[in-house]
Amino acid sequence: MRIDQTLFFWINQRLSSRALDRLLGWVTHLGGALFTVICAVSLACFAEGELSRLGLQSLITLAVSHIVAVLIKRIVRRDRPFRKLEQVKVGKFPLKDYSFPSGHTTAIFALVTPFMLALSPAVMLVLISLALLVAISRVYLGYHYPMDCMAGGMLGFLTAVLVSLVLHS
């Protein structure tokens, strides 16, 4: 997919700056298992009312979407960009598993979507911006192609919608 590679190189190399290296190097961890699981568990266990319910919904969505993402990775087996392309700027921790879909992007969308669906439009805007920054960080750091992140975002979002429908039926 030529457009996937073209967009990859634009984000990975053309946007390069020290400020973005620092910002996106930090932001990318917001989609990691440690952050997303701690957030969901903390809200489910320690928040009250609606926030606790949404935390539990996020936790269920994280678990389901993670299982689906791992299965898709094993079926598709797409190599990461830094393994296939030359002159890729890659983050500090090159990963060994497969690229499609982006697990970090799946996780951040799984975490924030229940809140986006239930809370105010202002909160939704902040959360979608945060999730998109995590997705961009994955490409910027050379770990994923843009399509990996789009698929991960859709997987996390759609899983959250399905979990919401099941829990509310």
C-alpha atoms as a PDB file:
ATOM      1  CA  MET A   1       0.000   0.000   0.000  1.00  0.00           C
ATOM      2  CA  ARG A   2       1.809   3.007  -1.289  1.00  0.00           C
ATOM      3  CA  ILE A   3      -0.268   5.614   0.558  1.00  0.00           C
ATOM      4  CA  ASP A   4       0.405   3.821   3.864  1.00  0.00           C
ATOM      5  CA  GLN A   5       4.179   4.045   3.297  1.00  0.00           C
ATOM      6  CA  THR A   6       3.994   7.636   2.037  1.00  0.00           C
ATOM      7  CA  LEU A   7       2.036   8.755   5.083  1.00  0.00           C
ATOM      8  CA  PHE A   8       4.340   6.705   7.307  1.00  0.00           C
ATOM      9  CA  PHE A   9       7.454   8.492   6.040  1.00  0.00           C
ATOM     10  CA  TRP A  10       5.784  11.898   6.260  1.00  0.00           C
ATOM     11  CA  ILE A  11       4.951  11.342   9.952  1.00  0.00           C
ATOM     12  CA  ASN A  12       8.114   9.415  10.815  1.00  0.00           C
ATOM     13  CA  GLN A  13      10.620  11.721   9.134  1.00  0.00           C
ATOM     14  CA  ARG A  14       9.146  15.002   7.928  1.00  0.00           C
ATOM     15  CA  LEU A  15       7.588  15.877  11.297  1.00  0.00           C
ATOM     16  CA  SER A  16      10.798  15.119  13.152  1.00  0.00           C
ATOM     17  CA  SER A  17      11.856  17.513  15.916  1.00  0.00           C
ATOM     18  CA  ARG A  18      13.322  17.300  19.407  1.00  0.00           C
ATOM     19  CA  ALA A  19      10.118  18.632  20.947  1.00  0.00           C
ATOM     20  CA  LEU A  20       8.016  15.982  19.184  1.00  0.00           C
ATOM     21  CA  ASP A  21      10.564  13.294  20.116  1.00  0.00           C
ATOM     22  CA  ARG A  22       9.999  14.120  23.789  1.00  0.00           C
ATOM     23  CA  LEU A  23       6.259  14.722  23.628  1.00  0.00           C
ATOM     24  CA  LEU A  24       5.372  11.676  21.534  1.00  0.00           C
ATOM     25  CA  GLY A  25       7.934   9.523  23.347  1.00  0.00           C
ATOM     26  CA  TRP A  26       5.942  10.244  26.527  1.00  0.00           C
ATOM     27  CA  VAL A  27       2.442  10.185  24.981  1.00  0.00           C
ATOM     28  CA  THR A  28       2.971   6.754  23.420  1.00  0.00           C
ATOM     29  CA  HIS A  29       3.032   5.158  26.895  1.00  0.00           C
ATOM     30  CA  LEU A  30      -0.551   6.315  27.495  1.00  0.00           C
ATOM     31  CA  GLY A  31      -1.592   3.474  25.180  1.00  0.00           C
ATOM     32  CA  GLY A  32       0.522   0.890  26.962  1.00  0.00           C
ATOM     33  CA  ALA A  33      -0.879  -1.911  29.096  1.00  0.00           C
ATOM     34  CA  LEU A  34       0.434  -0.463  32.358  1.00  0.00           C
ATOM     35  CA  PHE A  35      -1.295   2.905  31.976  1.00  0.00           C
ATOM     36  CA  THR A  36      -4.544   1.707  30.424  1.00  0.00           C
ATOM     37  CA  VAL A  37      -5.103  -1.163  32.850  1.00  0.00           C
ATOM     38  CA  ILE A  38      -4.206   0.920  35.924  1.00  0.00           C
ATOM     39  CA  CYS A  39      -6.603   3.673  34.790  1.00  0.00           C
ATOM     40  CA  ALA A  40      -9.479   1.280  34.146  1.00  0.00           C
ATOM     41  CA  VAL A  41      -8.949  -0.724  37.359  1.00  0.00           C
ATOM     42  CA  SER A  42      -8.546   2.432  39.454  1.00  0.00           C
ATOM     43  CA  LEU A  43     -11.757   3.924  38.132  1.00  0.00           C
ATOM     44  CA  ALA A  44     -13.678   0.657  38.422  1.00  0.00           C
ATOM     45  CA  CYS A  45     -12.540   0.072  42.012  1.00  0.00           C
ATOM     46  CA  PHE A  46     -12.145   3.527  43.527  1.00  0.00           C
ATOM     47  CA  ALA A  47     -14.462   5.891  41.664  1.00  0.00           C
ATOM     48  CA  GLU A  48     -18.153   6.096  42.417  1.00  0.00           C
ATOM     49  CA  GLY A  49     -21.307   5.954  40.346  1.00  0.00           C
ATOM     50  CA  GLU A  50     -21.016   6.583  36.618  1.00  0.00           C
ATOM     51  CA  LEU A  51     -17.195   6.819  36.623  1.00  0.00           C
ATOM     52  CA  SER A  52     -16.902   3.433  38.330  1.00  0.00           C
ATOM     53  CA  ARG A  53     -19.318   1.874  35.829  1.00  0.00           C
ATOM     54  CA  LEU A  54     -17.394   3.392  32.912  1.00  0.00           C
ATOM     55  CA  GLY A  55     -14.092   2.197  34.392  1.00  0.00           C
ATOM     56  CA  LEU A  56     -15.438  -1.362  34.528  1.00  0.00           C
ATOM     57  CA  GLN A  57     -16.720  -1.038  30.972  1.00  0.00           C
ATOM     58  CA  SER A  58     -13.269   0.166  29.865  1.00  0.00           C
ATOM     59  CA  LEU A  59     -11.616  -2.748  31.643  1.00  0.00           C
ATOM     60  CA  ILE A  60     -13.870  -5.280  29.915  1.00  0.00           C
ATOM     61  CA  THR A  61     -13.281  -3.543  26.579  1.00  0.00           C
ATOM     62  CA  LEU A  62      -9.501  -3.596  27.129  1.00  0.00           C
ATOM     63  CA  ALA A  63      -9.550  -7.342  27.787  1.00  0.00           C
ATOM     64  CA  VAL A  64     -11.759  -8.235  24.827  1.00  0.00           C
ATOM     65  CA  SER A  65     -10.010  -5.931  22.352  1.00  0.00           C
ATOM     66  CA  HIS A  66      -6.577  -7.148  23.471  1.00  0.00           C
ATOM     67  CA  ILE A  67      -7.500 -10.775  22.785  1.00  0.00           C
ATOM     68  CA  VAL A  68      -8.870  -9.851  19.354  1.00  0.00           C
ATOM     69  CA  ALA A  69      -5.796  -7.721  18.526  1.00  0.00           C
ATOM     70  CA  VAL A  70      -3.409 -10.549  19.452  1.00  0.00           C
ATOM     71  CA  LEU A  71      -5.358 -13.013  17.306  1.00  0.00           C
ATOM     72  CA  ILE A  72      -5.326 -10.608  14.345  1.00  0.00           C
ATOM     73  CA  LYS A  73      -1.563 -10.019  14.753  1.00  0.00           C
ATOM     74  CA  ARG A  74      -0.957 -13.779  14.636  1.00  0.00           C
ATOM     75  CA  ILE A  75      -3.081 -14.188  11.518  1.00  0.00           C
ATOM     76  CA  VAL A  76      -1.889 -11.139   9.538  1.00  0.00           C
ATOM     77  CA  ARG A  77       1.794 -11.274  10.632  1.00  0.00           C
ATOM     78  CA  ARG A  78       2.681  -7.842   9.221  1.00  0.00           C
ATOM     79  CA  ASP A  79       6.291  -6.870   9.913  1.00  0.00           C
ATOM     80  CA  ARG A  80       6.917  -3.553  11.635  1.00  0.00           C
ATOM     81  CA  PRO A  81       8.070  -0.666   9.430  1.00  0.00           C
ATOM     82  CA  PHE A  82      11.563  -0.513  10.944  1.00  0.00           C
ATOM     83  CA  ARG A  83      12.072  -4.152   9.902  1.00  0.00           C
ATOM     84  CA  LYS A  84      10.910  -3.670   6.287  1.00  0.00           C
ATOM     85  CA  LEU A  85      11.858  -0.115   5.283  1.00  0.00           C
ATOM     86  CA  GLU A  86      15.175   1.664   5.144  1.00  0.00           C
ATOM     87  CA  GLN A  87      16.055   4.820   7.069  1.00  0.00           C
ATOM     88  CA  VAL A  88      13.189   4.564   9.530  1.00  0.00           C
ATOM     89  CA  LYS A  89      13.540   6.633  12.671  1.00  0.00           C
ATOM     90  CA  VAL A  90      12.680   4.183  15.461  1.00  0.00           C
ATOM     91  CA  GLY A  91      12.020   4.690  19.174  1.00  0.00           C
ATOM     92  CA  LYS A  92      14.183   3.394  21.997  1.00  0.00           C
ATOM     93  CA  PHE A  93      12.446   0.040  22.353  1.00  0.00           C
ATOM     94  CA  PRO A  94      12.109  -1.792  19.020  1.00  0.00           C
ATOM     95  CA  LEU A  95       9.353  -4.361  19.362  1.00  0.00           C
ATOM     96  CA  LYS A  96       9.535  -7.994  18.298  1.00  0.00           C
ATOM     97  CA  ASP A  97       5.883  -8.863  17.702  1.00  0.00           C
ATOM     98  CA  TYR A  98       3.851  -8.001  14.633  1.00  0.00           C
ATOM     99  CA  SER A  99       2.576  -4.609  13.596  1.00  0.00           C
ATOM    100  CA  PHE A 100      -1.081  -4.993  12.581  1.00  0.00           C
ATOM    101  CA  PRO A 101      -3.134  -3.809  14.406  1.00  0.00           C
ATOM    102  CA  SER A 102      -1.481  -1.363  16.794  1.00  0.00           C
ATOM    103  CA  GLY A 103      -1.976  -2.666  20.316  1.00  0.00           C
ATOM    104  CA  HIS A 104      -1.317   0.726  21.936  1.00  0.00           C
ATOM    105  CA  THR A 105      -3.892   2.399  19.696  1.00  0.00           C
ATOM    106  CA  THR A 106      -6.383  -0.392  20.330  1.00  0.00           C
ATOM    107  CA  ALA A 107      -5.875  -0.019  24.080  1.00  0.00           C
ATOM    108  CA  ILE A 108      -6.213   3.771  24.269  1.00  0.00           C
ATOM    109  CA  PHE A 109      -9.401   3.725  22.179  1.00  0.00           C
ATOM    110  CA  ALA A 110     -10.743   0.843  24.296  1.00  0.00           C
ATOM    111  CA  LEU A 111     -10.024   2.865  27.437  1.00  0.00           C
ATOM    112  CA  VAL A 112     -11.460   6.234  26.380  1.00  0.00           C
ATOM    113  CA  THR A 113     -14.419   5.261  24.178  1.00  0.00           C
ATOM    114  CA  PRO A 114     -16.826   4.378  27.013  1.00  0.00           C
ATOM    115  CA  PHE A 115     -16.163   7.840  28.473  1.00  0.00           C
ATOM    116  CA  MET A 116     -16.521   9.508  25.075  1.00  0.00           C
ATOM    117  CA  LEU A 117     -19.905   7.850  24.588  1.00  0.00           C
ATOM    118  CA  ALA A 118     -21.215   8.789  28.031  1.00  0.00           C
ATOM    119  CA  LEU A 119     -19.762  12.177  28.952  1.00  0.00           C
ATOM    120  CA  SER A 120     -19.925  15.709  27.568  1.00  0.00           C
ATOM    121  CA  PRO A 121     -18.773  16.741  24.086  1.00  0.00           C
ATOM    122  CA  ALA A 122     -15.910  18.737  25.657  1.00  0.00           C
ATOM    123  CA  VAL A 123     -14.608  15.602  27.398  1.00  0.00           C
ATOM    124  CA  MET A 124     -15.093  13.641  24.176  1.00  0.00           C
ATOM    125  CA  LEU A 125     -12.932  16.141  22.276  1.00  0.00           C
ATOM    126  CA  VAL A 126     -10.113  15.890  24.826  1.00  0.00           C
ATOM    127  CA  LEU A 127     -10.219  12.091  24.875  1.00  0.00           C
ATOM    128  CA  ILE A 128     -10.327  11.651  21.100  1.00  0.00           C
ATOM    129  CA  SER A 129      -7.409  14.089  20.774  1.00  0.00           C
ATOM    130  CA  LEU A 130      -5.425  12.083  23.310  1.00  0.00           C
ATOM    131  CA  ALA A 131      -6.196   8.798  21.551  1.00  0.00           C
ATOM    132  CA  LEU A 132      -5.217  10.238  18.169  1.00  0.00           C
ATOM    133  CA  LEU A 133      -1.933  11.531  19.617  1.00  0.00           C
ATOM    134  CA  VAL A 134      -1.125   8.030  20.864  1.00  0.00           C
ATOM    135  CA  ALA A 135      -1.853   6.653  17.373  1.00  0.00           C
ATOM    136  CA  ILE A 136       0.354   9.296  15.725  1.00  0.00           C
ATOM    137  CA  SER A 137       3.120   8.584  18.244  1.00  0.00           C
ATOM    138  CA  ARG A 138       3.208   4.948  17.170  1.00  0.00           C
ATOM    139  CA  VAL A 139       3.891   5.961  13.558  1.00  0.00           C
ATOM    140  CA  TYR A 140       6.239   8.787  14.540  1.00  0.00           C
ATOM    141  CA  LEU A 141       8.337   6.344  16.577  1.00  0.00           C
ATOM    142  CA  GLY A 142       8.511   3.874  13.661  1.00  0.00           C
ATOM    143  CA  TYR A 143       6.581   1.076  15.344  1.00  0.00           C
ATOM    144  CA  HIS A 144       3.508   1.070  13.096  1.00  0.00           C
ATOM    145  CA  TYR A 145       2.171   2.034   9.705  1.00  0.00           C
ATOM    146  CA  PRO A 146      -0.788   4.447   9.726  1.00  0.00           C
ATOM    147  CA  MET A 147      -3.158   1.613   8.703  1.00  0.00           C
ATOM    148  CA  ASP A 148      -2.069  -0.390  11.767  1.00  0.00           C
ATOM    149  CA  CYS A 149      -3.161   2.511  13.957  1.00  0.00           C
ATOM    150  CA  MET A 150      -6.392   3.109  12.062  1.00  0.00           C
ATOM    151  CA  ALA A 151      -7.263  -0.574  12.479  1.00  0.00           C
ATOM    152  CA  GLY A 152      -6.332  -0.497  16.161  1.00  0.00           C
ATOM    153  CA  GLY A 153      -8.429   2.611  16.752  1.00  0.00           C
ATOM    154  CA  MET A 154     -11.409   1.063  15.000  1.00  0.00           C
ATOM    155  CA  LEU A 155     -10.962  -2.199  16.924  1.00  0.00           C
ATOM    156  CA  GLY A 156     -10.840  -0.423  20.290  1.00  0.00           C
ATOM    157  CA  PHE A 157     -13.769   1.843  19.425  1.00  0.00           C
ATOM    158  CA  LEU A 158     -16.019  -0.872  17.986  1.00  0.00           C
ATOM    159  CA  THR A 159     -15.257  -3.250  20.844  1.00  0.00           C
ATOM    160  CA  ALA A 160     -16.256  -0.522  23.316  1.00  0.00           C
ATOM    161  CA  VAL A 161     -19.514   0.089  21.451  1.00  0.00           C
ATOM    162  CA  LEU A 162     -20.308  -3.648  21.434  1.00  0.00           C
ATOM    163  CA  VAL A 163     -19.448  -4.020  25.126  1.00  0.00           C
ATOM    164  CA  SER A 164     -21.668  -1.035  25.887  1.00  0.00           C
ATOM    165  CA  LEU A 165     -24.556  -2.560  23.937  1.00  0.00           C
ATOM    166  CA  VAL A 166     -24.181  -5.916  25.688  1.00  0.00           C
ATOM    167  CA  LEU A 167     -23.957  -4.367  29.160  1.00  0.00           C
ATOM    168  CA  HIS A 168     -26.992  -2.155  28.556  1.00  0.00           C
ATOM    169  CA  SER A 169     -29.257  -4.776  27.004  1.00  0.00           C
END
